[in-house]
Amino acid sequence: MYIIVRKNNGATETLKKSNSRVKKTFNDFYTAHMLVQKLNSNTHSKMHWDVQQK
C-alpha cells in the first residue's frame, strides 16, 4: 500500500480522500506516482508531493 505525502513547515501532510479525513491509499506504486506527477505539475510551491510506502 502507498500514500502520498509532502512536508509543510516541518510537518508531514498526507493526501486525503475528497470530503473526508481518511488517507487516500493506493495498491500499487505506479498509480500513486501518476497522481503525484499530476499534483506536482499544478503546484508552484516547493512543497511537492511524494509517494511513500505505508
PDB file of N, CA and C in Angstrom:
ATOM      1  N   MET A   1       0.842  -1.168   0.000  1.00  0.00           N
ATOM      2  CA  MET A   1       0.000   0.000   0.000  1.00  0.00           C
ATOM      3  C   MET A   1       0.896   1.243   0.000  1.00  0.00           C
ATOM      4  N   TYR A   2       0.425   2.279  -0.670  1.00  0.00           N
ATOM      5  CA  TYR A   2       1.175   3.523  -0.799  1.00  0.00           C
ATOM      6  C   TYR A   2       0.282   4.711  -0.464  1.00  0.00           C
ATOM      7  N   ILE A   3       0.901   5.758   0.085  1.00  0.00           N
ATOM      8  CA  ILE A   3       0.203   7.003   0.355  1.00  0.00           C
ATOM      9  C   ILE A   3       0.993   8.138  -0.282  1.00  0.00           C
ATOM     10  N   ILE A   4       0.357   9.298  -0.398  1.00  0.00           N
ATOM     11  CA  ILE A   4       1.003  10.470  -0.976  1.00  0.00           C
ATOM     12  C   ILE A   4       1.172  11.499   0.133  1.00  0.00           C
ATOM     13  N   VAL A   5       2.407  11.983   0.299  1.00  0.00           N
ATOM     14  CA  VAL A   5       2.724  12.907   1.383  1.00  0.00           C
ATOM     15  C   VAL A   5       3.547  14.081   0.866  1.00  0.00           C
ATOM     16  N   ARG A   6       3.604  15.149   1.699  1.00  0.00           N
ATOM     17  CA  ARG A   6       4.509  16.268   1.452  1.00  0.00           C
ATOM     18  C   ARG A   6       4.822  16.919   2.786  1.00  0.00           C
ATOM     19  N   LYS A   7       5.942  17.619   2.840  1.00  0.00           N
ATOM     20  CA  LYS A   7       6.345  18.340   4.045  1.00  0.00           C
ATOM     21  C   LYS A   7       5.779  19.748   3.981  1.00  0.00           C
ATOM     22  N   ASN A   8       5.168  20.190   5.090  1.00  0.00           N
ATOM     23  CA  ASN A   8       4.592  21.527   5.185  1.00  0.00           C
ATOM     24  C   ASN A   8       5.065  22.141   6.501  1.00  0.00           C
ATOM     25  N   ASN A   9       6.048  23.029   6.420  1.00  0.00           N
ATOM     26  CA  ASN A   9       6.630  23.668   7.611  1.00  0.00           C
ATOM     27  C   ASN A   9       7.125  22.640   8.621  1.00  0.00           C
ATOM     28  N   GLY A  10       7.777  21.600   8.144  1.00  0.00           N
ATOM     29  CA  GLY A  10       8.337  20.570   9.007  1.00  0.00           C
ATOM     30  C   GLY A  10       7.382  19.450   9.383  1.00  0.00           C
ATOM     31  N   ALA A  11       6.101  19.635   9.122  1.00  0.00           N
ATOM     32  CA  ALA A  11       5.105  18.604   9.430  1.00  0.00           C
ATOM     33  C   ALA A  11       4.763  17.836   8.160  1.00  0.00           C
ATOM     34  N   THR A  12       4.489  16.555   8.299  1.00  0.00           N
ATOM     35  CA  THR A  12       4.122  15.735   7.154  1.00  0.00           C
ATOM     36  C   THR A  12       2.619  15.826   6.920  1.00  0.00           C
ATOM     37  N   GLU A  13       2.257  16.183   5.701  1.00  0.00           N
ATOM     38  CA  GLU A  13       0.850  16.290   5.305  1.00  0.00           C
ATOM     39  C   GLU A  13       0.536  15.120   4.379  1.00  0.00           C
ATOM     40  N   THR A  14      -0.559  14.431   4.622  1.00  0.00           N
ATOM     41  CA  THR A  14      -0.960  13.274   3.828  1.00  0.00           C
ATOM     42  C   THR A  14      -2.174  13.625   2.982  1.00  0.00           C
ATOM     43  N   LEU A  15      -2.158  13.207   1.724  1.00  0.00           N
ATOM     44  CA  LEU A  15      -3.295  13.440   0.839  1.00  0.00           C
ATOM     45  C   LEU A  15      -4.497  12.660   1.353  1.00  0.00           C
ATOM     46  N   LYS A  16      -5.631  13.329   1.427  1.00  0.00           N
ATOM     47  CA  LYS A  16      -6.859  12.711   1.930  1.00  0.00           C
ATOM     48  C   LYS A  16      -7.849  12.487   0.795  1.00  0.00           C
ATOM     49  N   LYS A  17      -8.801  11.601   1.019  1.00  0.00           N
ATOM     50  CA  LYS A  17      -9.894  11.405   0.066  1.00  0.00           C
ATOM     51  C   LYS A  17     -10.756  12.660   0.061  1.00  0.00           C
ATOM     52  N   SER A  18     -11.420  12.931  -1.034  1.00  0.00           N
ATOM     53  CA  SER A  18     -12.281  14.107  -1.145  1.00  0.00           C
ATOM     54  C   SER A  18     -13.358  14.092  -0.066  1.00  0.00           C
ATOM     55  N   ASN A  19     -13.561  15.243   0.556  1.00  0.00           N
ATOM     56  CA  ASN A  19     -14.592  15.415   1.590  1.00  0.00           C
ATOM     57  C   ASN A  19     -14.484  14.392   2.715  1.00  0.00           C
ATOM     58  N   SER A  20     -13.251  14.059   3.099  1.00  0.00           N
ATOM     59  CA  SER A  20     -13.047  13.044   4.125  1.00  0.00           C
ATOM     60  C   SER A  20     -11.749  13.320   4.872  1.00  0.00           C
ATOM     61  N   ARG A  21     -11.608  12.702   6.027  1.00  0.00           N
ATOM     62  CA  ARG A  21     -10.356  12.775   6.785  1.00  0.00           C
ATOM     63  C   ARG A  21      -9.530  11.505   6.599  1.00  0.00           C
ATOM     64  N   VAL A  22     -10.020  10.597   5.776  1.00  0.00           N
ATOM     65  CA  VAL A  22      -9.362   9.313   5.542  1.00  0.00           C
ATOM     66  C   VAL A  22      -8.228   9.488   4.532  1.00  0.00           C
ATOM     67  N   LYS A  23      -7.067   8.904   4.847  1.00  0.00           N
ATOM     68  CA  LYS A  23      -5.924   8.977   3.937  1.00  0.00           C
ATOM     69  C   LYS A  23      -6.241   8.237   2.646  1.00  0.00           C
ATOM     70  N   LYS A  24      -5.855   8.841   1.528  1.00  0.00           N
ATOM     71  CA  LYS A  24      -6.040   8.199   0.230  1.00  0.00           C
ATOM     72  C   LYS A  24      -4.906   7.187   0.060  1.00  0.00           C
ATOM     73  N   THR A  25      -5.245   5.918  -0.133  1.00  0.00           N
ATOM     74  CA  THR A  25      -4.239   4.870  -0.286  1.00  0.00           C
ATOM     75  C   THR A  25      -4.317   4.258  -1.679  1.00  0.00           C
ATOM     76  N   PHE A  26      -3.187   3.716  -2.112  1.00  0.00           N
ATOM     77  CA  PHE A  26      -3.068   3.117  -3.438  1.00  0.00           C
ATOM     78  C   PHE A  26      -2.475   1.724  -3.293  1.00  0.00           C
ATOM     79  N   ASN A  27      -2.944   0.801  -4.111  1.00  0.00           N
ATOM     80  CA  ASN A  27      -2.452  -0.580  -4.061  1.00  0.00           C
ATOM     81  C   ASN A  27      -1.112  -0.749  -4.751  1.00  0.00           C
ATOM     82  N   ASP A  28      -0.808   0.122  -5.729  1.00  0.00           N
ATOM     83  CA  ASP A  28       0.457  -0.023  -6.444  1.00  0.00           C
ATOM     84  C   ASP A  28       1.154   1.326  -6.587  1.00  0.00           C
ATOM     85  N   PHE A  29       2.472   1.267  -6.695  1.00  0.00           N
ATOM     86  CA  PHE A  29       3.299   2.469  -6.784  1.00  0.00           C
ATOM     87  C   PHE A  29       2.984   3.271  -8.039  1.00  0.00           C
ATOM     88  N   TYR A  30       2.783   2.604  -9.150  1.00  0.00           N
ATOM     89  CA  TYR A  30       2.578   3.284 -10.432  1.00  0.00           C
ATOM     90  C   TYR A  30       1.383   4.236 -10.383  1.00  0.00           C
ATOM     91  N   THR A  31       0.257   3.789  -9.861  1.00  0.00           N
ATOM     92  CA  THR A  31      -0.943   4.624  -9.788  1.00  0.00           C
ATOM     93  C   THR A  31      -0.700   5.837  -8.897  1.00  0.00           C
ATOM     94  N   ALA A  32      -0.067   5.619  -7.757  1.00  0.00           N
ATOM     95  CA  ALA A  32       0.241   6.727  -6.848  1.00  0.00           C
ATOM     96  C   ALA A  32       1.207   7.704  -7.508  1.00  0.00           C
ATOM     97  N   HIS A  33       2.204   7.176  -8.182  1.00  0.00           N
ATOM     98  CA  HIS A  33       3.206   8.024  -8.838  1.00  0.00           C
ATOM     99  C   HIS A  33       2.579   8.875  -9.948  1.00  0.00           C
ATOM    100  N   MET A  34       1.656   8.321 -10.692  1.00  0.00           N
ATOM    101  CA  MET A  34       0.993   9.079 -11.756  1.00  0.00           C
ATOM    102  C   MET A  34       0.198  10.251 -11.168  1.00  0.00           C
ATOM    103  N   LEU A  35      -0.470  10.049 -10.047  1.00  0.00           N
ATOM    104  CA  LEU A  35      -1.208  11.136  -9.406  1.00  0.00           C
ATOM    105  C   LEU A  35      -0.248  12.188  -8.851  1.00  0.00           C
ATOM    106  N   VAL A  36       0.874  11.757  -8.287  1.00  0.00           N
ATOM    107  CA  VAL A  36       1.877  12.697  -7.773  1.00  0.00           C
ATOM    108  C   VAL A  36       2.381  13.595  -8.896  1.00  0.00           C
ATOM    109  N   GLN A  37       2.649  13.021 -10.054  1.00  0.00           N
ATOM    110  CA  GLN A  37       3.113  13.828 -11.187  1.00  0.00           C
ATOM    111  C   GLN A  37       2.071  14.871 -11.568  1.00  0.00           C
ATOM    112  N   LYS A  38       0.811  14.489 -11.569  1.00  0.00           N
ATOM    113  CA  LYS A  38      -0.262  15.421 -11.910  1.00  0.00           C
ATOM    114  C   LYS A  38      -0.387  16.518 -10.848  1.00  0.00           C
ATOM    115  N   LEU A  39      -0.349  16.135  -9.575  1.00  0.00           N
ATOM    116  CA  LEU A  39      -0.433  17.120  -8.495  1.00  0.00           C
ATOM    117  C   LEU A  39       0.733  18.105  -8.547  1.00  0.00           C
ATOM    118  N   ASN A  40       1.942  17.592  -8.747  1.00  0.00           N
ATOM    119  CA  ASN A  40       3.125  18.451  -8.760  1.00  0.00           C
ATOM    120  C   ASN A  40       3.173  19.360  -9.980  1.00  0.00           C
ATOM    121  N   SER A  41       2.559  18.954 -11.076  1.00  0.00           N
ATOM    122  CA  SER A  41       2.543  19.818 -12.260  1.00  0.00           C
ATOM    123  C   SER A  41       1.654  21.036 -12.030  1.00  0.00           C
ATOM    124  N   ASN A  42       0.730  20.944 -11.069  1.00  0.00           N
ATOM    125  CA  ASN A  42      -0.159  22.062 -10.739  1.00  0.00           C
ATOM    126  C   ASN A  42       0.255  22.786  -9.463  1.00  0.00           C
ATOM    127  N   THR A  43       1.397  22.411  -8.889  1.00  0.00           N
ATOM    128  CA  THR A  43       1.875  23.014  -7.647  1.00  0.00           C
ATOM    129  C   THR A  43       3.077  23.890  -7.951  1.00  0.00           C
ATOM    130  N   HIS A  44       2.976  25.168  -7.606  1.00  0.00           N
ATOM    131  CA  HIS A  44       4.068  26.100  -7.878  1.00  0.00           C
ATOM    132  C   HIS A  44       5.009  26.241  -6.691  1.00  0.00           C
ATOM    133  N   SER A  45       4.598  25.783  -5.535  1.00  0.00           N
ATOM    134  CA  SER A  45       5.425  25.926  -4.339  1.00  0.00           C
ATOM    135  C   SER A  45       6.503  24.843  -4.292  1.00  0.00           C
ATOM    136  N   LYS A  46       7.345  24.941  -3.290  1.00  0.00           N
ATOM    137  CA  LYS A  46       8.402  23.947  -3.097  1.00  0.00           C
ATOM    138  C   LYS A  46       7.900  22.735  -2.321  1.00  0.00           C
ATOM    139  N   MET A  47       6.630  22.731  -1.957  1.00  0.00           N
ATOM    140  CA  MET A  47       6.052  21.616  -1.200  1.00  0.00           C
ATOM    141  C   MET A  47       5.494  20.576  -2.164  1.00  0.00           C
ATOM    142  N   HIS A  48       6.382  19.866  -2.830  1.00  0.00           N
ATOM    143  CA  HIS A  48       5.953  18.861  -3.795  1.00  0.00           C
ATOM    144  C   HIS A  48       5.532  17.582  -3.086  1.00  0.00           C
ATOM    145  N   TRP A  49       4.562  16.907  -3.684  1.00  0.00           N
ATOM    146  CA  TRP A  49       4.058  15.632  -3.181  1.00  0.00           C
ATOM    147  C   TRP A  49       5.033  14.519  -3.538  1.00  0.00           C
ATOM    148  N   ASP A  50       5.026  13.444  -2.752  1.00  0.00           N
ATOM    149  CA  ASP A  50       5.883  12.290  -2.991  1.00  0.00           C
ATOM    150  C   ASP A  50       5.142  11.023  -2.549  1.00  0.00           C
ATOM    151  N   VAL A  51       5.510   9.902  -3.143  1.00  0.00           N
ATOM    152  CA  VAL A  51       4.895   8.612  -2.798  1.00  0.00           C
ATOM    153  C   VAL A  51       5.687   7.988  -1.653  1.00  0.00           C
ATOM    154  N   GLN A  52       4.966   7.446  -0.687  1.00  0.00           N
ATOM    155  CA  GLN A  52       5.595   6.790   0.453  1.00  0.00           C
ATOM    156  C   GLN A  52       4.912   5.452   0.687  1.00  0.00           C
ATOM    157  N   GLN A  53       5.722   4.429   0.963  1.00  0.00           N
ATOM    158  CA  GLN A  53       5.135   3.119   1.252  1.00  0.00           C
ATOM    159  C   GLN A  53       4.542   3.151   2.650  1.00  0.00           C
ATOM    160  N   LYS A  54       3.341   2.630   2.774  1.00  0.00           N
ATOM    161  CA  LYS A  54       2.612   2.660   4.049  1.00  0.00           C
ATOM    162  C   LYS A  54       3.034   1.529   4.940  1.00  0.00           C
TER     163      LYS A  54
END
